[in-house]
Protein backbone atom coordinates (compact mmCIF):
# COMPACT_ATOMS: atom_id res chain seq x y z
CA MET A 1 132.66 38.51 89.06
CA GLU A 2 129.99 40.17 91.17
CA TYR A 3 130.22 43.65 92.64
CA THR A 4 128.16 45.89 94.91
CA ILE A 5 126.97 49.45 94.38
CA ARG A 6 125.88 51.36 97.49
CA LEU A 7 123.95 54.61 97.61
CA HIS A 8 124.03 55.97 101.17
CA GLY A 9 121.84 58.57 102.82
CA MET A 10 119.64 59.68 99.96
CA GLU A 11 117.30 62.17 101.61
CA PHE A 12 113.80 63.09 100.46
CA ARG A 13 110.80 65.04 101.64
CA ALA A 14 107.86 62.68 101.14
CA TYR A 15 104.29 62.06 102.25
CA HIS A 16 104.27 58.45 103.43
CA GLY A 17 102.45 57.41 106.57
CA CYS A 18 99.49 55.60 108.04
CA TYR A 19 98.00 58.81 109.43
CA GLU A 20 96.28 61.37 107.21
CA LEU A 21 98.29 64.20 108.75
CA GLU A 22 101.56 62.48 107.77
CA ARG A 23 100.35 62.17 104.19
CA LYS A 24 99.34 65.83 104.22
CA VAL A 25 102.30 67.59 105.86
CA GLY A 26 105.02 65.08 104.94
CA ASN A 27 108.26 64.17 106.64
CA ARG A 28 111.96 63.64 105.90
CA PHE A 29 113.07 60.17 104.84
CA THR A 30 116.40 58.60 104.02
CA VAL A 31 117.03 55.68 101.70
CA ASP A 32 120.11 53.44 101.64
CA LEU A 33 120.41 51.06 98.72
CA GLU A 34 122.79 48.16 98.11
CA ILE A 35 122.75 46.57 94.66
CA ARG A 36 124.55 43.34 93.76
CA THR A 37 125.20 42.81 90.07
CA GLU A 38 127.52 41.13 87.61
CA LEU A 39 130.64 43.11 86.71
CA GLY A 40 130.66 41.86 83.13
CA ARG A 41 132.94 44.01 81.00
CA VAL A 42 132.38 47.30 82.84
CA ALA A 43 135.88 47.53 84.33
CA GLU A 44 137.62 45.95 81.35
CA ARG A 45 136.11 48.44 78.91
CA ASP A 46 135.87 51.33 81.39
CA ASP A 47 132.40 51.99 79.96
CA VAL A 48 129.61 53.38 82.13
CA THR A 49 126.98 52.32 79.59
CA LEU A 50 127.70 48.71 80.59
CA ALA A 51 127.20 49.44 84.30
CA VAL A 52 124.23 49.88 86.58
CA ASN A 53 124.25 53.68 86.46
CA TYR A 54 123.79 55.11 89.95
CA LEU A 55 122.39 58.39 88.55
CA THR A 56 119.58 56.39 86.95
CA VAL A 57 119.13 54.40 90.16
CA TYR A 58 118.84 57.64 92.15
CA GLU A 59 116.15 58.92 89.78
CA VAL A 60 114.22 55.65 90.13
CA VAL A 61 114.35 55.98 93.93
CA ARG A 62 113.29 59.64 93.74
CA GLU A 63 110.27 58.71 91.61
CA GLN A 64 109.23 55.99 94.05
CA MET A 65 109.61 58.34 97.03
CA ALA A 66 107.25 60.78 95.30
CA THR A 67 104.47 58.16 95.25
CA THR A 68 102.66 58.35 98.61
CA GLN A 69 102.24 55.07 100.48
CA HIS A 70 100.86 54.14 103.89
CA THR A 71 103.89 52.10 105.01
CA VAL A 72 107.63 52.35 104.57
CA GLU A 73 107.56 48.61 103.85
CA ARG A 74 105.55 49.32 100.69
CA VAL A 75 107.92 52.15 99.76
CA ALA A 76 110.96 49.86 100.09
CA ALA A 77 109.25 47.08 98.10
CA ASN A 78 108.35 49.56 95.35
CA ILE A 79 111.93 50.82 95.19
CA ILE A 80 113.32 47.29 94.89
CA GLY A 81 110.82 46.41 92.16
CA ALA A 82 111.49 49.58 90.17
CA VAL A 83 115.29 49.26 90.39
CA ARG A 84 115.14 45.61 89.31
CA ALA A 85 112.81 46.54 86.42
CA ALA A 86 115.28 49.21 85.27
CA TYR A 87 118.20 46.76 85.42
CA PRO A 88 117.19 43.11 84.95
CA CYS A 89 120.87 42.10 85.33
CA ILE A 90 120.75 42.94 89.04
CA ARG A 91 121.18 39.89 91.28
CA GLY A 92 119.88 41.42 94.49
CA VAL A 93 118.82 44.66 96.15
CA ARG A 94 118.82 45.61 99.82
CA CYS A 95 116.81 48.74 100.61
CA THR A 96 116.50 50.58 103.91
CA VAL A 97 113.90 53.34 104.19
CA ALA A 98 113.96 55.47 107.34
CA LYS A 99 111.43 58.03 108.52
CA LEU A 100 113.26 60.76 110.43
CA ALA A 101 111.74 62.06 113.69
CA PRO A 102 108.51 60.05 113.35
CA PRO A 103 105.48 61.49 115.17
CA LEU A 104 105.33 58.99 118.05
CA GLY A 105 104.83 61.40 120.94
CA GLY A 106 108.41 61.27 122.14
CA LYS A 107 111.98 61.85 120.96
CA LEU A 108 113.10 59.31 118.40
CA ASP A 109 115.80 59.81 115.78
CA ARG A 110 114.30 57.57 113.12
CA VAL A 111 112.41 54.38 112.41
CA SER A 112 113.48 52.21 109.51
CA VAL A 113 112.76 49.01 107.64
CA THR A 114 115.08 46.97 105.47
CA LEU A 115 113.90 44.69 102.67
CA GLU A 116 115.90 42.45 100.37
CA GLY A 117 114.81 41.18 97.02
């Protein structure tokens, strides 16, 4: 049986962007993550050590957000790769990275990309 773990609205201050100023002053970002994995014996044994631990996943995301990149596409790809490396049993990951109030010269709530892998 497969199940899905979702981490919604993780918020970080990070220094991603194509412009030098963005990489210097930073911005607020949110990350939403959806992980598909095999249930195995997690529920049967009621044992978190058999599960994809969302505390560990959060720490992996936090580490990736701390590594400055030029594009949010690269950030999302790095998050997917790092989460899959931490848990090879994962069947799929969907990651949305959003930059809040991007500096585009006008009012805009956020810009985001979603990658699956």
